[in-house]
Structure formats: structure tokens, C-alpha cells
Amino acid sequence: MKNRLKALRAERGWSQSVLGDHLDVSRQTINAIEAGRYDPSLPLAFKIARLFGRVIEEIFEDDVCADD
């Protein structure tokens, strides 16, 4: 799953550790999400969206093409 988490985090000047603290997850979890190695649970995705004042679809994008 593609995401804009790294860009949103950078806009606020937050490290991965700071973002992890805001979300009650580890820096490693943030790193894995940003790298596309881990898809967050739905509750975590909603928490991320609320933190940045966005809807989930503005942060996360499915890799699957609409034509598939």
C-alpha cells in the first residue's frame, strides 16, 4: 500500500520516533509503514488520519489498479 506518511510527517518536522509517540507505536512501526512493508490496522489508519486532519484516502492508496 502506498502512503504519504513520510511527507506528512516531514511537513510537521517530526521524526519517526515523535510520530510513533503520538500514535502509541514504535519508531520501527512508522518506518515499516512508510517503507510499504507494513499496512496499518484500520484503527491505526484512522488514528493517523485524525492526527493529520485528513481522511484515510488522502494518506493511503491501494496499490491495486482500478482496472484489475
PDB file of N, CA and C in Angstrom:
ATOM      1  N   MET A   1       0.843  -1.168   0.000  1.00  0.00           N
ATOM      2  CA  MET A   1       0.000   0.000   0.000  1.00  0.00           C
ATOM      3  C   MET A   1       0.898   1.243   0.000  1.00  0.00           C
ATOM      4  N   LYS A   2       0.635   2.136  -0.932  1.00  0.00           N
ATOM      5  CA  LYS A   2       1.371   3.394  -0.987  1.00  0.00           C
ATOM      6  C   LYS A   2       0.801   4.341   0.067  1.00  0.00           C
ATOM      7  N   ASN A   3       1.653   5.240   0.568  1.00  0.00           N
ATOM      8  CA  ASN A   3       1.154   6.210   1.544  1.00  0.00           C
ATOM      9  C   ASN A   3       1.970   7.488   1.500  1.00  0.00           C
ATOM     10  N   ARG A   4       1.401   8.534   2.087  1.00  0.00           N
ATOM     11  CA  ARG A   4       2.036   9.853   2.151  1.00  0.00           C
ATOM     12  C   ARG A   4       2.534  10.156   3.558  1.00  0.00           C
ATOM     13  N   LEU A   5       2.676   9.153   4.376  1.00  0.00           N
ATOM     14  CA  LEU A   5       3.002   9.365   5.780  1.00  0.00           C
ATOM     15  C   LEU A   5       4.330  10.098   5.961  1.00  0.00           C
ATOM     16  N   LYS A   6       5.343   9.717   5.223  1.00  0.00           N
ATOM     17  CA  LYS A   6       6.653  10.351   5.361  1.00  0.00           C
ATOM     18  C   LYS A   6       6.569  11.841   5.036  1.00  0.00           C
ATOM     19  N   ALA A   7       5.866  12.189   3.963  1.00  0.00           N
ATOM     20  CA  ALA A   7       5.725  13.599   3.574  1.00  0.00           C
ATOM     21  C   ALA A   7       4.948  14.383   4.622  1.00  0.00           C
ATOM     22  N   LEU A   8       3.871  13.813   5.132  1.00  0.00           N
ATOM     23  CA  LEU A   8       3.074  14.491   6.149  1.00  0.00           C
ATOM     24  C   LEU A   8       3.879  14.685   7.428  1.00  0.00           C
ATOM     25  N   ARG A   9       4.630  13.676   7.785  1.00  0.00           N
ATOM     26  CA  ARG A   9       5.482  13.756   8.983  1.00  0.00           C
ATOM     27  C   ARG A   9       6.532  14.846   8.798  1.00  0.00           C
ATOM     28  N   ALA A  10       7.147  14.895   7.611  1.00  0.00           N
ATOM     29  CA  ALA A  10       8.184  15.888   7.328  1.00  0.00           C
ATOM     30  C   ALA A  10       7.629  17.311   7.366  1.00  0.00           C
ATOM     31  N   GLU A  11       6.390  17.490   6.893  1.00  0.00           N
ATOM     32  CA  GLU A  11       5.757  18.815   6.926  1.00  0.00           C
ATOM     33  C   GLU A  11       5.686  19.362   8.346  1.00  0.00           C
ATOM     34  N   ARG A  12       5.544  18.484   9.303  1.00  0.00           N
ATOM     35  CA  ARG A  12       5.454  18.897  10.709  1.00  0.00           C
ATOM     36  C   ARG A  12       6.813  18.900  11.403  1.00  0.00           C
ATOM     37  N   GLY A  13       7.832  18.432  10.694  1.00  0.00           N
ATOM     38  CA  GLY A  13       9.165  18.402  11.271  1.00  0.00           C
ATOM     39  C   GLY A  13       9.331  17.345  12.348  1.00  0.00           C
ATOM     40  N   TRP A  14       8.536  16.292  12.257  1.00  0.00           N
ATOM     41  CA  TRP A  14       8.571  15.219  13.250  1.00  0.00           C
ATOM     42  C   TRP A  14       9.496  14.098  12.803  1.00  0.00           C
ATOM     43  N   SER A  15      10.198  13.531  13.751  1.00  0.00           N
ATOM     44  CA  SER A  15      10.965  12.309  13.481  1.00  0.00           C
ATOM     45  C   SER A  15       9.997  11.128  13.518  1.00  0.00           C
ATOM     46  N   GLN A  16      10.480   9.983  13.093  1.00  0.00           N
ATOM     47  CA  GLN A  16       9.662   8.779  13.184  1.00  0.00           C
ATOM     48  C   GLN A  16       9.328   8.473  14.639  1.00  0.00           C
ATOM     49  N   SER A  17      10.258   8.733  15.534  1.00  0.00           N
ATOM     50  CA  SER A  17      10.026   8.485  16.967  1.00  0.00           C
ATOM     51  C   SER A  17       8.928   9.385  17.517  1.00  0.00           C
ATOM     52  N   VAL A  18       8.941  10.648  17.136  1.00  0.00           N
ATOM     53  CA  VAL A  18       7.913  11.582  17.610  1.00  0.00           C
ATOM     54  C   VAL A  18       6.537  11.159  17.095  1.00  0.00           C
ATOM     55  N   LEU A  19       6.456  10.810  15.824  1.00  0.00           N
ATOM     56  CA  LEU A  19       5.178  10.352  15.275  1.00  0.00           C
ATOM     57  C   LEU A  19       4.722   9.083  15.984  1.00  0.00           C
ATOM     58  N   GLY A  20       5.653   8.170  16.202  1.00  0.00           N
ATOM     59  CA  GLY A  20       5.316   6.946  16.929  1.00  0.00           C
ATOM     60  C   GLY A  20       4.769   7.245  18.314  1.00  0.00           C
ATOM     61  N   ASP A  21       5.360   8.219  18.999  1.00  0.00           N
ATOM     62  CA  ASP A  21       4.866   8.611  20.326  1.00  0.00           C
ATOM     63  C   ASP A  21       3.438   9.140  20.253  1.00  0.00           C
ATOM     64  N   HIS A  22       3.150   9.944  19.238  1.00  0.00           N
ATOM     65  CA  HIS A  22       1.792  10.475  19.065  1.00  0.00           C
ATOM     66  C   HIS A  22       0.767   9.368  18.820  1.00  0.00           C
ATOM     67  N   LEU A  23       1.231   8.290  18.177  1.00  0.00           N
ATOM     68  CA  LEU A  23       0.326   7.206  17.791  1.00  0.00           C
ATOM     69  C   LEU A  23       0.409   5.986  18.712  1.00  0.00           C
ATOM     70  N   ASP A  24       1.276   6.050  19.714  1.00  0.00           N
ATOM     71  CA  ASP A  24       1.483   4.931  20.633  1.00  0.00           C
ATOM     72  C   ASP A  24       1.967   3.672  19.919  1.00  0.00           C
ATOM     73  N   VAL A  25       2.868   3.867  18.948  1.00  0.00           N
ATOM     74  CA  VAL A  25       3.522   2.746  18.267  1.00  0.00           C
ATOM     75  C   VAL A  25       5.021   3.029  18.240  1.00  0.00           C
ATOM     76  N   SER A  26       5.804   2.052  17.867  1.00  0.00           N
ATOM     77  CA  SER A  26       7.259   2.220  17.844  1.00  0.00           C
ATOM     78  C   SER A  26       7.726   2.967  16.598  1.00  0.00           C
ATOM     79  N   ARG A  27       8.945   3.475  16.683  1.00  0.00           N
ATOM     80  CA  ARG A  27       9.577   4.092  15.520  1.00  0.00           C
ATOM     81  C   ARG A  27       9.702   3.071  14.389  1.00  0.00           C
ATOM     82  N   GLN A  28       9.958   1.815  14.756  1.00  0.00           N
ATOM     83  CA  GLN A  28      10.098   0.755  13.757  1.00  0.00           C
ATOM     84  C   GLN A  28       8.788   0.540  12.995  1.00  0.00           C
ATOM     85  N   THR A  29       7.666   0.675  13.695  1.00  0.00           N
ATOM     86  CA  THR A  29       6.361   0.541  13.029  1.00  0.00           C
ATOM     87  C   THR A  29       6.176   1.665  12.018  1.00  0.00           C
ATOM     88  N   ILE A  30       6.514   2.897  12.413  1.00  0.00           N
ATOM     89  CA  ILE A  30       6.398   4.029  11.497  1.00  0.00           C
ATOM     90  C   ILE A  30       7.300   3.815  10.290  1.00  0.00           C
ATOM     91  N   ASN A  31       8.526   3.363  10.520  1.00  0.00           N
ATOM     92  CA  ASN A  31       9.453   3.097   9.434  1.00  0.00           C
ATOM     93  C   ASN A  31       8.887   2.059   8.473  1.00  0.00           C
ATOM     94  N   ALA A  32       8.330   0.988   9.010  1.00  0.00           N
ATOM     95  CA  ALA A  32       7.781  -0.085   8.172  1.00  0.00           C
ATOM     96  C   ALA A  32       6.575   0.393   7.365  1.00  0.00           C
ATOM     97  N   ILE A  33       5.725   1.219   7.968  1.00  0.00           N
ATOM     98  CA  ILE A  33       4.567   1.762   7.237  1.00  0.00           C
ATOM     99  C   ILE A  33       5.054   2.656   6.102  1.00  0.00           C
ATOM    100  N   GLU A  34       5.971   3.575   6.413  1.00  0.00           N
ATOM    101  CA  GLU A  34       6.484   4.494   5.392  1.00  0.00           C
ATOM    102  C   GLU A  34       7.148   3.751   4.247  1.00  0.00           C
ATOM    103  N   ALA A  35       7.840   2.664   4.548  1.00  0.00           N
ATOM    104  CA  ALA A  35       8.542   1.891   3.523  1.00  0.00           C
ATOM    105  C   ALA A  35       7.619   0.944   2.756  1.00  0.00           C
ATOM    106  N   GLY A  36       6.355   0.861   3.173  1.00  0.00           N
ATOM    107  CA  GLY A  36       5.409  -0.019   2.493  1.00  0.00           C
ATOM    108  C   GLY A  36       5.567  -1.476   2.856  1.00  0.00           C
ATOM    109  N   ARG A  37       6.304  -1.754   3.944  1.00  0.00           N
ATOM    110  CA  ARG A  37       6.489  -3.143   4.376  1.00  0.00           C
ATOM    111  C   ARG A  37       5.406  -3.594   5.348  1.00  0.00           C
ATOM    112  N   TYR A  38       4.606  -2.661   5.814  1.00  0.00           N
ATOM    113  CA  TYR A  38       3.578  -2.976   6.812  1.00  0.00           C
ATOM    114  C   TYR A  38       2.368  -2.096   6.552  1.00  0.00           C
ATOM    115  N   ASP A  39       1.202  -2.715   6.446  1.00  0.00           N
ATOM    116  CA  ASP A  39      -0.048  -1.977   6.315  1.00  0.00           C
ATOM    117  C   ASP A  39      -0.657  -1.837   7.702  1.00  0.00           C
ATOM    118  N   PRO A  40      -0.964  -0.603   8.104  1.00  0.00           N
ATOM    119  CA  PRO A  40      -1.510  -0.409   9.448  1.00  0.00           C
ATOM    120  C   PRO A  40      -2.894  -1.024   9.582  1.00  0.00           C
ATOM    121  N   SER A  41      -3.238  -1.370  10.800  1.00  0.00           N
ATOM    122  CA  SER A  41      -4.605  -1.834  11.067  1.00  0.00           C
ATOM    123  C   SER A  41      -5.563  -0.680  10.781  1.00  0.00           C
ATOM    124  N   LEU A  42      -6.822  -0.987  10.615  1.00  0.00           N
ATOM    125  CA  LEU A  42      -7.818   0.056  10.365  1.00  0.00           C
ATOM    126  C   LEU A  42      -7.884   1.057  11.515  1.00  0.00           C
ATOM    127  N   PRO A  43      -7.898   0.612  12.784  1.00  0.00           N
ATOM    128  CA  PRO A  43      -7.898   1.605  13.870  1.00  0.00           C
ATOM    129  C   PRO A  43      -6.664   2.519  13.842  1.00  0.00           C
ATOM    130  N   LEU A  44      -5.490   1.972  13.510  1.00  0.00           N
ATOM    131  CA  LEU A  44      -4.290   2.795  13.432  1.00  0.00           C
ATOM    132  C   LEU A  44      -4.375   3.755  12.246  1.00  0.00           C
ATOM    133  N   ALA A  45      -4.895   3.304  11.119  1.00  0.00           N
ATOM    134  CA  ALA A  45      -5.049   4.176   9.954  1.00  0.00           C
ATOM    135  C   ALA A  45      -5.978   5.351  10.283  1.00  0.00           C
ATOM    136  N   PHE A  46      -7.074   5.080  10.997  1.00  0.00           N
ATOM    137  CA  PHE A  46      -7.969   6.163  11.404  1.00  0.00           C
ATOM    138  C   PHE A  46      -7.269   7.117  12.361  1.00  0.00           C
ATOM    139  N   LYS A  47      -6.473   6.587  13.267  1.00  0.00           N
ATOM    140  CA  LYS A  47      -5.742   7.416  14.223  1.00  0.00           C
ATOM    141  C   LYS A  47      -4.747   8.326  13.498  1.00  0.00           C
ATOM    142  N   ILE A  48      -4.067   7.779  12.501  1.00  0.00           N
ATOM    143  CA  ILE A  48      -3.130   8.564  11.695  1.00  0.00           C
ATOM    144  C   ILE A  48      -3.882   9.679  10.963  1.00  0.00           C
ATOM    145  N   ALA A  49      -4.993   9.317  10.344  1.00  0.00           N
ATOM    146  CA  ALA A  49      -5.783  10.304   9.599  1.00  0.00           C
ATOM    147  C   ALA A  49      -6.261  11.433  10.520  1.00  0.00           C
ATOM    148  N   ARG A  50      -6.754  11.084  11.693  1.00  0.00           N
ATOM    149  CA  ARG A  50      -7.213  12.113  12.637  1.00  0.00           C
ATOM    150  C   ARG A  50      -6.064  13.019  13.069  1.00  0.00           C
ATOM    151  N   LEU A  51      -4.900  12.436  13.329  1.00  0.00           N
ATOM    152  CA  LEU A  51      -3.747  13.207  13.775  1.00  0.00           C
ATOM    153  C   LEU A  51      -3.363  14.271  12.747  1.00  0.00           C
ATOM    154  N   PHE A  52      -3.444  13.925  11.468  1.00  0.00           N
ATOM    155  CA  PHE A  52      -3.066  14.847  10.406  1.00  0.00           C
ATOM    156  C   PHE A  52      -4.250  15.633   9.843  1.00  0.00           C
ATOM    157  N   GLY A  53      -5.444  15.411  10.379  1.00  0.00           N
ATOM    158  CA  GLY A  53      -6.622  16.136   9.912  1.00  0.00           C
ATOM    159  C   GLY A  53      -6.997  15.807   8.486  1.00  0.00           C
ATOM    160  N   ARG A  54      -6.823  14.559   8.115  1.00  0.00           N
ATOM    161  CA  ARG A  54      -7.105  14.092   6.748  1.00  0.00           C
ATOM    162  C   ARG A  54      -8.044  12.889   6.801  1.00  0.00           C
ATOM    163  N   VAL A  55      -8.565  12.525   5.648  1.00  0.00           N
ATOM    164  CA  VAL A  55      -9.285  11.263   5.543  1.00  0.00           C
ATOM    165  C   VAL A  55      -8.277  10.191   5.146  1.00  0.00           C
ATOM    166  N   ILE A  56      -8.594   8.969   5.447  1.00  0.00           N
ATOM    167  CA  ILE A  56      -7.660   7.864   5.182  1.00  0.00           C
ATOM    168  C   ILE A  56      -7.206   7.843   3.726  1.00  0.00           C
ATOM    169  N   GLU A  57      -8.127   8.084   2.801  1.00  0.00           N
ATOM    170  CA  GLU A  57      -7.797   8.022   1.376  1.00  0.00           C
ATOM    171  C   GLU A  57      -6.792   9.081   0.946  1.00  0.00           C
ATOM    172  N   GLU A  58      -6.644  10.152   1.720  1.00  0.00           N
ATOM    173  CA  GLU A  58      -5.645  11.175   1.404  1.00  0.00           C
ATOM    174  C   GLU A  58      -4.241  10.756   1.854  1.00  0.00           C
ATOM    175  N   ILE A  59      -4.171   9.752   2.691  1.00  0.00           N
ATOM    176  CA  ILE A  59      -2.883   9.295   3.216  1.00  0.00           C
ATOM    177  C   ILE A  59      -2.470   7.964   2.608  1.00  0.00           C
ATOM    178  N   PHE A  60      -3.423   7.058   2.486  1.00  0.00           N
ATOM    179  CA  PHE A  60      -3.133   5.704   1.998  1.00  0.00           C
ATOM    180  C   PHE A  60      -3.806   5.459   0.659  1.00  0.00           C
ATOM    181  N   GLU A  61      -3.074   4.774  -0.236  1.00  0.00           N
ATOM    182  CA  GLU A  61      -3.588   4.459  -1.554  1.00  0.00           C
ATOM    183  C   GLU A  61      -3.327   2.990  -1.851  1.00  0.00           C
ATOM    184  N   ASP A  62      -4.353   2.301  -2.294  1.00  0.00           N
ATOM    185  CA  ASP A  62      -4.232   0.895  -2.634  1.00  0.00           C
ATOM    186  C   ASP A  62      -3.335   0.747  -3.852  1.00  0.00           C
ATOM    187  N   ASP A  63      -2.445  -0.237  -3.839  1.00  0.00           N
ATOM    188  CA  ASP A  63      -1.550  -0.495  -4.979  1.00  0.00           C
ATOM    189  C   ASP A  63      -2.285  -1.102  -6.168  1.00  0.00           C
ATOM    190  N   VAL A  64      -3.443  -1.693  -5.925  1.00  0.00           N
ATOM    191  CA  VAL A  64      -4.176  -2.384  -6.986  1.00  0.00           C
ATOM    192  C   VAL A  64      -4.802  -1.367  -7.925  1.00  0.00           C
ATOM    193  N   CYS A  65      -4.618  -1.575  -9.204  1.00  0.00           N
ATOM    194  CA  CYS A  65      -5.206  -0.678 -10.199  1.00  0.00           C
ATOM    195  C   CYS A  65      -6.716  -0.885 -10.255  1.00  0.00           C
ATOM    196  N   ALA A  66      -7.419   0.164 -10.578  1.00  0.00           N
ATOM    197  CA  ALA A  66      -8.881   0.087 -10.665  1.00  0.00           C
ATOM    198  C   ALA A  66      -9.327  -0.833 -11.789  1.00  0.00           C
ATOM    199  N   ASP A  67      -8.468  -1.041 -12.799  1.00  0.00           N
ATOM    200  CA  ASP A  67      -8.831  -1.882 -13.941  1.00  0.00           C
ATOM    201  C   ASP A  67      -8.695  -3.364 -13.644  1.00  0.00           C
ATOM    202  N   ASP A  68      -8.042  -3.749 -12.552  1.00  0.00           N
ATOM    203  CA  ASP A  68      -7.825  -5.173 -12.249  1.00  0.00           C
ATOM    204  C   ASP A  68      -9.077  -5.839 -11.746  1.00  0.00           C
TER     205      ASP A  68
END
